[in-house]
């Protein structure tokens, strides 16, 4: 691990673009470096944008991306408690 370079994303985030370019030269063929630079710069910009207000961004993502999953999971938990299946499963061996 002592000889491994820092990741280009981390280096771009810290403002060390020259060192990040050196690492990219080691990792990718010259034909792909410019595309990778643009991709990494977009990723760094998104990270900086999200780090400005992380709670608001995470809350927004929670309800927009995972809203259906939360609704289904909560609905299943409610239905299980409403039906009483956990009681039947727990006391079933004693009753039978």
PDB file of N, CA and C in Angstrom:
ATOM      1  N   UNK A   1       0.811  -1.199   0.000  1.00  0.00           N
ATOM      2  CA  UNK A   1       0.000   0.000   0.000  1.00  0.00           C
ATOM      3  C   UNK A   1       0.861   1.273   0.000  1.00  0.00           C
ATOM      4  N   UNK A   2       2.094   1.147   0.413  1.00  0.00           N
ATOM      5  CA  UNK A   2       2.952   2.330   0.460  1.00  0.00           C
ATOM      6  C   UNK A   2       3.237   2.895  -0.928  1.00  0.00           C
ATOM      7  N   UNK A   3       3.213   2.046  -1.947  1.00  0.00           N
ATOM      8  CA  UNK A   3       3.564   2.489  -3.285  1.00  0.00           C
ATOM      9  C   UNK A   3       2.343   2.852  -4.139  1.00  0.00           C
ATOM     10  N   UNK A   4       1.151   2.679  -3.595  1.00  0.00           N
ATOM     11  CA  UNK A   4      -0.056   2.991  -4.367  1.00  0.00           C
ATOM     12  C   UNK A   4      -0.331   4.492  -4.315  1.00  0.00           C
ATOM     13  N   UNK A   5      -0.682   5.082  -5.458  1.00  0.00           N
ATOM     14  CA  UNK A   5      -0.983   6.523  -5.463  1.00  0.00           C
ATOM     15  C   UNK A   5      -2.388   6.798  -4.916  1.00  0.00           C
ATOM     16  N   UNK A   6      -2.620   8.042  -4.578  1.00  0.00           N
ATOM     17  CA  UNK A   6      -3.961   8.459  -4.180  1.00  0.00           C
ATOM     18  C   UNK A   6      -4.877   8.358  -5.396  1.00  0.00           C
ATOM     19  N   UNK A   7      -6.186   8.282  -5.140  1.00  0.00           N
ATOM     20  CA  UNK A   7      -7.124   8.202  -6.257  1.00  0.00           C
ATOM     21  C   UNK A   7      -7.226   9.554  -6.946  1.00  0.00           C
ATOM     22  N   UNK A   8      -7.462   9.553  -8.250  1.00  0.00           N
ATOM     23  CA  UNK A   8      -7.589  10.827  -8.959  1.00  0.00           C
ATOM     24  C   UNK A   8      -8.744  11.683  -8.443  1.00  0.00           C
ATOM     25  N   UNK A   9      -9.836  11.052  -8.033  1.00  0.00           N
ATOM     26  CA  UNK A   9     -10.972  11.823  -7.513  1.00  0.00           C
ATOM     27  C   UNK A   9     -10.551  12.595  -6.267  1.00  0.00           C
ATOM     28  N   UNK A  10      -9.841  11.926  -5.367  1.00  0.00           N
ATOM     29  CA  UNK A  10      -9.382  12.584  -4.146  1.00  0.00           C
ATOM     30  C   UNK A  10      -8.429  13.735  -4.486  1.00  0.00           C
ATOM     31  N   UNK A  11      -7.523  13.486  -5.413  1.00  0.00           N
ATOM     32  CA  UNK A  11      -6.559  14.526  -5.771  1.00  0.00           C
ATOM     33  C   UNK A  11      -7.242  15.727  -6.416  1.00  0.00           C
ATOM     34  N   UNK A  12      -8.214  15.494  -7.290  1.00  0.00           N
ATOM     35  CA  UNK A  12      -8.961  16.607  -7.882  1.00  0.00           C
ATOM     36  C   UNK A  12      -9.742  17.354  -6.809  1.00  0.00           C
ATOM     37  N   UNK A  13     -10.313  16.629  -5.876  1.00  0.00           N
ATOM     38  CA  UNK A  13     -11.089  17.258  -4.807  1.00  0.00           C
ATOM     39  C   UNK A  13     -10.210  18.142  -3.935  1.00  0.00           C
ATOM     40  N   UNK A  14      -8.966  17.739  -3.733  1.00  0.00           N
ATOM     41  CA  UNK A  14      -8.038  18.512  -2.906  1.00  0.00           C
ATOM     42  C   UNK A  14      -7.344  19.623  -3.696  1.00  0.00           C
ATOM     43  N   UNK A  15      -7.648  19.732  -4.995  1.00  0.00           N
ATOM     44  CA  UNK A  15      -7.072  20.793  -5.812  1.00  0.00           C
ATOM     45  C   UNK A  15      -5.687  20.473  -6.363  1.00  0.00           C
ATOM     46  N   UNK A  16      -5.312  19.225  -6.382  1.00  0.00           N
ATOM     47  CA  UNK A  16      -4.008  18.818  -6.893  1.00  0.00           C
ATOM     48  C   UNK A  16      -4.185  18.148  -8.251  1.00  0.00           C
ATOM     49  N   UNK A  17      -4.630  18.929  -9.222  1.00  0.00           N
ATOM     50  CA  UNK A  17      -4.931  18.408 -10.553  1.00  0.00           C
ATOM     51  C   UNK A  17      -3.723  17.859 -11.279  1.00  0.00           C
ATOM     52  N   UNK A  18      -2.535  18.472 -11.071  1.00  0.00           N
ATOM     53  CA  UNK A  18      -1.333  17.996 -11.747  1.00  0.00           C
ATOM     54  C   UNK A  18      -0.962  16.583 -11.299  1.00  0.00           C
ATOM     55  N   UNK A  19      -1.058  16.323 -10.020  1.00  0.00           N
ATOM     56  CA  UNK A  19      -0.766  14.982  -9.500  1.00  0.00           C
ATOM     57  C   UNK A  19      -1.837  13.983  -9.970  1.00  0.00           C
ATOM     58  N   UNK A  20      -3.086  14.439 -10.030  1.00  0.00           N
ATOM     59  CA  UNK A  20      -4.166  13.573 -10.506  1.00  0.00           C
ATOM     60  C   UNK A  20      -3.946  13.199 -11.971  1.00  0.00           C
ATOM     61  N   UNK A  21      -3.452  14.143 -12.766  1.00  0.00           N
ATOM     62  CA  UNK A  21      -3.164  13.857 -14.171  1.00  0.00           C
ATOM     63  C   UNK A  21      -2.050  12.814 -14.305  1.00  0.00           C
ATOM     64  N   UNK A  22      -1.049  12.883 -13.428  1.00  0.00           N
ATOM     65  CA  UNK A  22       0.024  11.883 -13.449  1.00  0.00           C
ATOM     66  C   UNK A  22      -0.521  10.488 -13.143  1.00  0.00           C
ATOM     67  N   UNK A  23      -1.421  10.421 -12.166  1.00  0.00           N
ATOM     68  CA  UNK A  23      -2.007   9.131 -11.804  1.00  0.00           C
ATOM     69  C   UNK A  23      -2.851   8.594 -12.952  1.00  0.00           C
ATOM     70  N   UNK A  24      -3.614   9.478 -13.607  1.00  0.00           N
ATOM     71  CA  UNK A  24      -4.421   9.050 -14.746  1.00  0.00           C
ATOM     72  C   UNK A  24      -3.555   8.533 -15.885  1.00  0.00           C
ATOM     73  N   UNK A  25      -2.384   9.142 -16.090  1.00  0.00           N
ATOM     74  CA  UNK A  25      -1.473   8.679 -17.139  1.00  0.00           C
ATOM     75  C   UNK A  25      -0.997   7.255 -16.860  1.00  0.00           C
ATOM     76  N   UNK A  26      -0.856   6.915 -15.579  1.00  0.00           N
ATOM     77  CA  UNK A  26      -0.426   5.569 -15.216  1.00  0.00           C
ATOM     78  C   UNK A  26      -1.559   4.554 -15.375  1.00  0.00           C
ATOM     79  N   UNK A  27      -2.793   5.000 -15.171  1.00  0.00           N
ATOM     80  CA  UNK A  27      -3.921   4.083 -15.153  1.00  0.00           C
ATOM     81  C   UNK A  27      -4.571   3.837 -16.513  1.00  0.00           C
ATOM     82  N   UNK A  28      -4.595   4.857 -17.379  1.00  0.00           N
ATOM     83  CA  UNK A  28      -5.345   4.762 -18.626  1.00  0.00           C
ATOM     84  C   UNK A  28      -4.458   5.015 -19.836  1.00  0.00           C
ATOM     85  N   UNK A  29      -4.939   4.547 -20.982  1.00  0.00           N
ATOM     86  CA  UNK A  29      -4.262   4.818 -22.244  1.00  0.00           C
ATOM     87  C   UNK A  29      -4.449   6.293 -22.584  1.00  0.00           C
ATOM     88  N   UNK A  30      -3.509   6.879 -23.326  1.00  0.00           N
ATOM     89  CA  UNK A  30      -3.608   8.315 -23.653  1.00  0.00           C
ATOM     90  C   UNK A  30      -4.891   8.700 -24.384  1.00  0.00           C
ATOM     91  N   UNK A  31      -5.466   7.790 -25.145  1.00  0.00           N
ATOM     92  CA  UNK A  31      -6.684   8.111 -25.897  1.00  0.00           C
ATOM     93  C   UNK A  31      -7.878   8.349 -24.980  1.00  0.00           C
ATOM     94  N   UNK A  32      -7.861   7.770 -23.801  1.00  0.00           N
ATOM     95  CA  UNK A  32      -9.008   7.862 -22.902  1.00  0.00           C
ATOM     96  C   UNK A  32      -8.843   8.889 -21.791  1.00  0.00           C
ATOM     97  N   UNK A  33      -7.698   9.525 -21.704  1.00  0.00           N
ATOM     98  CA  UNK A  33      -7.417  10.388 -20.558  1.00  0.00           C
ATOM     99  C   UNK A  33      -8.329  11.617 -20.529  1.00  0.00           C
ATOM    100  N   UNK A  34      -8.545  12.268 -21.649  1.00  0.00           N
ATOM    101  CA  UNK A  34      -9.383  13.477 -21.657  1.00  0.00           C
ATOM    102  C   UNK A  34     -10.824  13.168 -21.261  1.00  0.00           C
ATOM    103  N   UNK A  35     -11.355  12.056 -21.764  1.00  0.00           N
ATOM    104  CA  UNK A  35     -12.715  11.663 -21.377  1.00  0.00           C
ATOM    105  C   UNK A  35     -12.781  11.361 -19.887  1.00  0.00           C
ATOM    106  N   UNK A  36     -11.770  10.701 -19.387  1.00  0.00           N
ATOM    107  CA  UNK A  36     -11.748  10.347 -17.967  1.00  0.00           C
ATOM    108  C   UNK A  36     -11.612  11.597 -17.105  1.00  0.00           C
ATOM    109  N   UNK A  37     -10.841  12.581 -17.556  1.00  0.00           N
ATOM    110  CA  UNK A  37     -10.703  13.844 -16.819  1.00  0.00           C
ATOM    111  C   UNK A  37     -12.061  14.542 -16.685  1.00  0.00           C
ATOM    112  N   UNK A  38     -12.788  14.603 -17.800  1.00  0.00           N
ATOM    113  CA  UNK A  38     -14.107  15.248 -17.755  1.00  0.00           C
ATOM    114  C   UNK A  38     -15.050  14.493 -16.826  1.00  0.00           C
ATOM    115  N   UNK A  39     -14.990  13.166 -16.903  1.00  0.00           N
ATOM    116  CA  UNK A  39     -15.850  12.344 -16.050  1.00  0.00           C
ATOM    117  C   UNK A  39     -15.518  12.556 -14.569  1.00  0.00           C
ATOM    118  N   UNK A  40     -14.239  12.571 -14.257  1.00  0.00           N
ATOM    119  CA  UNK A  40     -13.825  12.771 -12.874  1.00  0.00           C
ATOM    120  C   UNK A  40     -14.147  14.171 -12.381  1.00  0.00           C
ATOM    121  N   UNK A  41     -13.986  15.163 -13.248  1.00  0.00           N
ATOM    122  CA  UNK A  41     -14.305  16.532 -12.846  1.00  0.00           C
ATOM    123  C   UNK A  41     -15.798  16.678 -12.559  1.00  0.00           C
ATOM    124  N   UNK A  42     -16.645  16.028 -13.350  1.00  0.00           N
ATOM    125  CA  UNK A  42     -18.078  16.027 -13.091  1.00  0.00           C
ATOM    126  C   UNK A  42     -18.383  15.367 -11.768  1.00  0.00           C
ATOM    127  N   UNK A  43     -17.708  14.255 -11.481  1.00  0.00           N
ATOM    128  CA  UNK A  43     -17.909  13.551 -10.215  1.00  0.00           C
ATOM    129  C   UNK A  43     -17.478  14.415  -9.032  1.00  0.00           C
ATOM    130  N   UNK A  44     -16.350  15.098  -9.172  1.00  0.00           N
ATOM    131  CA  UNK A  44     -15.867  15.964  -8.093  1.00  0.00           C
ATOM    132  C   UNK A  44     -16.826  17.134  -7.883  1.00  0.00           C
ATOM    133  N   UNK A  45     -17.335  17.706  -8.964  1.00  0.00           N
ATOM    134  CA  UNK A  45     -18.305  18.798  -8.841  1.00  0.00           C
ATOM    135  C   UNK A  45     -19.563  18.328  -8.117  1.00  0.00           C
ATOM    136  N   UNK A  46     -20.034  17.112  -8.426  1.00  0.00           N
ATOM    137  CA  UNK A  46     -21.208  16.569  -7.743  1.00  0.00           C
ATOM    138  C   UNK A  46     -20.931  16.325  -6.267  1.00  0.00           C
ATOM    139  N   UNK A  47     -19.741  15.846  -5.943  1.00  0.00           N
ATOM    140  CA  UNK A  47     -19.379  15.613  -4.546  1.00  0.00           C
ATOM    141  C   UNK A  47     -19.345  16.927  -3.785  1.00  0.00           C
ATOM    142  N   UNK A  48     -18.756  17.949  -4.387  1.00  0.00           N
ATOM    143  CA  UNK A  48     -18.702  19.259  -3.724  1.00  0.00           C
ATOM    144  C   UNK A  48     -20.099  19.854  -3.553  1.00  0.00           C
ATOM    145  N   UNK A  49     -20.958  19.653  -4.534  1.00  0.00           N
ATOM    146  CA  UNK A  49     -22.322  20.161  -4.443  1.00  0.00           C
ATOM    147  C   UNK A  49     -23.092  19.460  -3.326  1.00  0.00           C
ATOM    148  N   UNK A  50     -22.943  18.149  -3.224  1.00  0.00           N
ATOM    149  CA  UNK A  50     -23.640  17.396  -2.190  1.00  0.00           C
ATOM    150  C   UNK A  50     -23.093  17.687  -0.802  1.00  0.00           C
ATOM    151  N   UNK A  51     -21.818  18.004  -0.708  1.00  0.00           N
ATOM    152  CA  UNK A  51     -21.231  18.243   0.601  1.00  0.00           C
ATOM    153  C   UNK A  51     -21.617  19.607   1.164  1.00  0.00           C
ATOM    154  N   UNK A  52     -22.188  20.481   0.358  1.00  0.00           N
ATOM    155  CA  UNK A  52     -22.626  21.784   0.872  1.00  0.00           C
ATOM    156  C   UNK A  52     -23.799  21.638   1.830  1.00  0.00           C
ATOM    157  N   UNK A  53     -24.750  20.811   1.481  1.00  0.00           N
ATOM    158  CA  UNK A  53     -25.925  20.595   2.326  1.00  0.00           C
ATOM    159  C   UNK A  53     -26.272  19.109   2.315  1.00  0.00           C
ATOM    160  N   UNK A  54     -25.501  18.295   3.020  1.00  0.00           N
ATOM    161  CA  UNK A  54     -25.676  16.847   2.902  1.00  0.00           C
ATOM    162  C   UNK A  54     -27.009  16.339   3.447  1.00  0.00           C
ATOM    163  N   UNK A  55     -27.532  16.948   4.485  1.00  0.00           N
ATOM    164  CA  UNK A  55     -28.777  16.447   5.073  1.00  0.00           C
ATOM    165  C   UNK A  55     -29.940  16.674   4.114  1.00  0.00           C
ATOM    166  N   UNK A  56     -29.998  17.845   3.513  1.00  0.00           N
ATOM    167  CA  UNK A  56     -31.077  18.143   2.572  1.00  0.00           C
ATOM    168  C   UNK A  56     -30.998  17.241   1.344  1.00  0.00           C
ATOM    169  N   UNK A  57     -29.793  17.036   0.823  1.00  0.00           N
ATOM    170  CA  UNK A  57     -29.638  16.190  -0.368  1.00  0.00           C
ATOM    171  C   UNK A  57     -29.998  14.737  -0.066  1.00  0.00           C
ATOM    172  N   UNK A  58     -29.575  14.243   1.101  1.00  0.00           N
ATOM    173  CA  UNK A  58     -29.879  12.851   1.451  1.00  0.00           C
ATOM    174  C   UNK A  58     -31.365  12.654   1.699  1.00  0.00           C
ATOM    175  N   UNK A  59     -32.000  13.629   2.328  1.00  0.00           N
ATOM    176  CA  UNK A  59     -33.436  13.526   2.577  1.00  0.00           C
ATOM    177  C   UNK A  59     -34.193  13.546   1.257  1.00  0.00           C
ATOM    178  N   UNK A  60     -33.797  14.425   0.360  1.00  0.00           N
ATOM    179  CA  UNK A  60     -34.432  14.500  -0.956  1.00  0.00           C
ATOM    180  C   UNK A  60     -34.253  13.189  -1.712  1.00  0.00           C
ATOM    181  N   UNK A  61     -33.045  12.632  -1.676  1.00  0.00           N
ATOM    182  CA  UNK A  61     -32.777  11.374  -2.353  1.00  0.00           C
ATOM    183  C   UNK A  61     -33.559  10.231  -1.715  1.00  0.00           C
ATOM    184  N   UNK A  62     -33.705  10.265  -0.407  1.00  0.00           N
ATOM    185  CA  UNK A  62     -34.427   9.210   0.292  1.00  0.00           C
ATOM    186  C   UNK A  62     -35.858   9.102  -0.205  1.00  0.00           C
ATOM    187  N   UNK A  63     -36.527  10.222  -0.363  1.00  0.00           N
ATOM    188  CA  UNK A  63     -37.931  10.179  -0.742  1.00  0.00           C
ATOM    189  C   UNK A  63     -38.165  10.154  -2.241  1.00  0.00           C
ATOM    190  N   UNK A  64     -37.207  10.554  -3.038  1.00  0.00           N
ATOM    191  CA  UNK A  64     -37.409  10.497  -4.487  1.00  0.00           C
ATOM    192  C   UNK A  64     -36.966   9.158  -5.055  1.00  0.00           C
ATOM    193  N   UNK A  65     -35.825   8.672  -4.636  1.00  0.00           N
ATOM    194  CA  UNK A  65     -35.286   7.436  -5.199  1.00  0.00           C
ATOM    195  C   UNK A  65     -35.863   6.213  -4.495  1.00  0.00           C
ATOM    196  N   UNK A  66     -35.917   6.262  -3.174  1.00  0.00           N
ATOM    197  CA  UNK A  66     -36.305   5.094  -2.397  1.00  0.00           C
ATOM    198  C   UNK A  66     -37.719   5.180  -1.837  1.00  0.00           C
ATOM    199  N   UNK A  67     -38.523   6.092  -2.328  1.00  0.00           N
ATOM    200  CA  UNK A  67     -39.869   6.281  -1.800  1.00  0.00           C
ATOM    201  C   UNK A  67     -40.743   5.043  -1.911  1.00  0.00           C
ATOM    202  N   UNK A  68     -40.708   4.384  -3.055  1.00  0.00           N
ATOM    203  CA  UNK A  68     -41.518   3.176  -3.242  1.00  0.00           C
ATOM    204  C   UNK A  68     -41.061   2.059  -2.315  1.00  0.00           C
ATOM    205  N   UNK A  69     -39.756   1.930  -2.147  1.00  0.00           N
ATOM    206  CA  UNK A  69     -39.227   0.880  -1.262  1.00  0.00           C
ATOM    207  C   UNK A  69     -39.663   1.119   0.182  1.00  0.00           C
ATOM    208  N   UNK A  70     -39.617   2.362   0.615  1.00  0.00           N
ATOM    209  CA  UNK A  70     -40.040   2.685   1.980  1.00  0.00           C
ATOM    210  C   UNK A  70     -41.522   2.407   2.152  1.00  0.00           C
ATOM    211  N   UNK A  71     -42.323   2.763   1.159  1.00  0.00           N
ATOM    212  CA  UNK A  71     -43.756   2.537   1.227  1.00  0.00           C
ATOM    213  C   UNK A  71     -44.070   1.031   1.269  1.00  0.00           C
ATOM    214  N   UNK A  72     -43.419   0.248   0.444  1.00  0.00           N
ATOM    215  CA  UNK A  72     -43.662  -1.194   0.434  1.00  0.00           C
ATOM    216  C   UNK A  72     -43.201  -1.829   1.748  1.00  0.00           C
ATOM    217  N   UNK A  73     -42.010  -1.465   2.212  1.00  0.00           N
ATOM    218  CA  UNK A  73     -41.497  -2.022   3.463  1.00  0.00           C
ATOM    219  C   UNK A  73     -42.358  -1.659   4.657  1.00  0.00           C
ATOM    220  N   UNK A  74     -42.761  -0.392   4.743  1.00  0.00           N
ATOM    221  CA  UNK A  74     -43.642   0.027   5.829  1.00  0.00           C
ATOM    222  C   UNK A  74     -45.006  -0.629   5.749  1.00  0.00           C
ATOM    223  N   UNK A  75     -45.516  -0.769   4.535  1.00  0.00           N
ATOM    224  CA  UNK A  75     -46.808  -1.424   4.353  1.00  0.00           C
ATOM    225  C   UNK A  75     -46.777  -2.888   4.764  1.00  0.00           C
ATOM    226  N   UNK A  76     -45.702  -3.580   4.443  1.00  0.00           N
ATOM    227  CA  UNK A  76     -45.579  -4.982   4.851  1.00  0.00           C
ATOM    228  C   UNK A  76     -45.479  -5.119   6.368  1.00  0.00           C
ATOM    229  N   UNK A  77     -44.757  -4.219   6.998  1.00  0.00           N
ATOM    230  CA  UNK A  77     -44.660  -4.264   8.460  1.00  0.00           C
ATOM    231  C   UNK A  77     -46.019  -3.999   9.099  1.00  0.00           C
ATOM    232  N   UNK A  78     -46.740  -3.016   8.575  1.00  0.00           N
ATOM    233  CA  UNK A  78     -48.067  -2.721   9.106  1.00  0.00           C
ATOM    234  C   UNK A  78     -48.987  -3.924   8.938  1.00  0.00           C
ATOM    235  N   UNK A  79     -48.976  -4.521   7.746  1.00  0.00           N
ATOM    236  CA  UNK A  79     -49.863  -5.644   7.465  1.00  0.00           C
ATOM    237  C   UNK A  79     -49.555  -6.836   8.367  1.00  0.00           C
ATOM    238  N   UNK A  80     -48.278  -7.069   8.633  1.00  0.00           N
ATOM    239  CA  UNK A  80     -47.883  -8.168   9.513  1.00  0.00           C
ATOM    240  C   UNK A  80     -48.419  -7.929  10.925  1.00  0.00           C
ATOM    241  N   UNK A  81     -48.295  -6.726  11.420  1.00  0.00           N
ATOM    242  CA  UNK A  81     -48.789  -6.429  12.766  1.00  0.00           C
ATOM    243  C   UNK A  81     -50.323  -6.449  12.806  1.00  0.00           C
ATOM    244  N   UNK A  82     -50.955  -5.962  11.751  1.00  0.00           N
ATOM    245  CA  UNK A  82     -52.410  -5.906  11.705  1.00  0.00           C
ATOM    246  C   UNK A  82     -53.023  -7.308  11.675  1.00  0.00           C
ATOM    247  N   UNK A  83     -52.407  -8.209  10.925  1.00  0.00           N
ATOM    248  CA  UNK A  83     -52.930  -9.574  10.817  1.00  0.00           C
ATOM    249  C   UNK A  83     -52.633 -10.412  12.058  1.00  0.00           C
ATOM    250  N   UNK A  84     -51.601 -10.093  12.793  1.00  0.00           N
ATOM    251  CA  UNK A  84     -51.252 -10.861  13.974  1.00  0.00           C
ATOM    252  C   UNK A  84     -50.482 -12.128  13.667  1.00  0.00           C
ATOM    253  N   UNK A  85     -49.848 -12.193  12.514  1.00  0.00           N
ATOM    254  CA  UNK A  85     -49.139 -13.409  12.143  1.00  0.00           C
ATOM    255  C   UNK A  85     -47.953 -13.660  13.053  1.00  0.00           C
ATOM    256  N   UNK A  86     -47.359 -12.592  13.607  1.00  0.00           N
ATOM    257  CA  UNK A  86     -46.237 -12.808  14.506  1.00  0.00           C
ATOM    258  C   UNK A  86     -46.688 -13.514  15.785  1.00  0.00           C
ATOM    259  N   UNK A  87     -47.911 -13.254  16.244  1.00  0.00           N
ATOM    260  CA  UNK A  87     -48.436 -13.947  17.422  1.00  0.00           C
ATOM    261  C   UNK A  87     -48.655 -15.418  17.127  1.00  0.00           C
ATOM    262  N   UNK A  88     -49.213 -15.712  15.968  1.00  0.00           N
ATOM    263  CA  UNK A  88     -49.451 -17.096  15.580  1.00  0.00           C
ATOM    264  C   UNK A  88     -48.122 -17.840  15.450  1.00  0.00           C
ATOM    265  N   UNK A  89     -47.126 -17.205  14.860  1.00  0.00           N
ATOM    266  CA  UNK A  89     -45.825 -17.853  14.694  1.00  0.00           C
ATOM    267  C   UNK A  89     -45.149 -18.093  16.046  1.00  0.00           C
ATOM    268  N   UNK A  90     -45.310 -17.154  16.973  1.00  0.00           N
ATOM    269  CA  UNK A  90     -44.653 -17.284  18.275  1.00  0.00           C
ATOM    270  C   UNK A  90     -45.341 -18.326  19.152  1.00  0.00           C
ATOM    271  N   UNK A  91     -46.695 -18.268  19.225  1.00  0.00           N
ATOM    272  CA  UNK A  91     -47.417 -19.166  20.102  1.00  0.00           C
ATOM    273  C   UNK A  91     -47.911 -20.442  19.405  1.00  0.00           C
ATOM    274  N   UNK A  92     -47.662 -20.594  18.109  1.00  0.00           N
ATOM    275  CA  UNK A  92     -48.099 -21.759  17.359  1.00  0.00           C
ATOM    276  C   UNK A  92     -47.670 -23.083  17.946  1.00  0.00           C
ATOM    277  N   UNK A  93     -46.385 -23.259  18.290  1.00  0.00           N
ATOM    278  CA  UNK A  93     -45.986 -24.549  18.871  1.00  0.00           C
ATOM    279  C   UNK A  93     -46.680 -24.856  20.199  1.00  0.00           C
ATOM    280  N   UNK A  94     -46.936 -23.847  21.011  1.00  0.00           N
ATOM    281  CA  UNK A  94     -47.617 -24.075  22.292  1.00  0.00           C
ATOM    282  C   UNK A  94     -49.087 -24.448  22.079  1.00  0.00           C
ATOM    283  N   UNK A  95     -49.709 -23.797  21.127  1.00  0.00           N
ATOM    284  CA  UNK A  95     -51.129 -24.042  20.869  1.00  0.00           C
ATOM    285  C   UNK A  95     -51.328 -25.429  20.245  1.00  0.00           C
ATOM    286  N   UNK A  96     -50.485 -25.764  19.293  1.00  0.00           N
ATOM    287  CA  UNK A  96     -50.645 -27.045  18.585  1.00  0.00           C
ATOM    288  C   UNK A  96     -50.027 -28.178  19.398  1.00  0.00           C
TER     289      UNK A  96
END
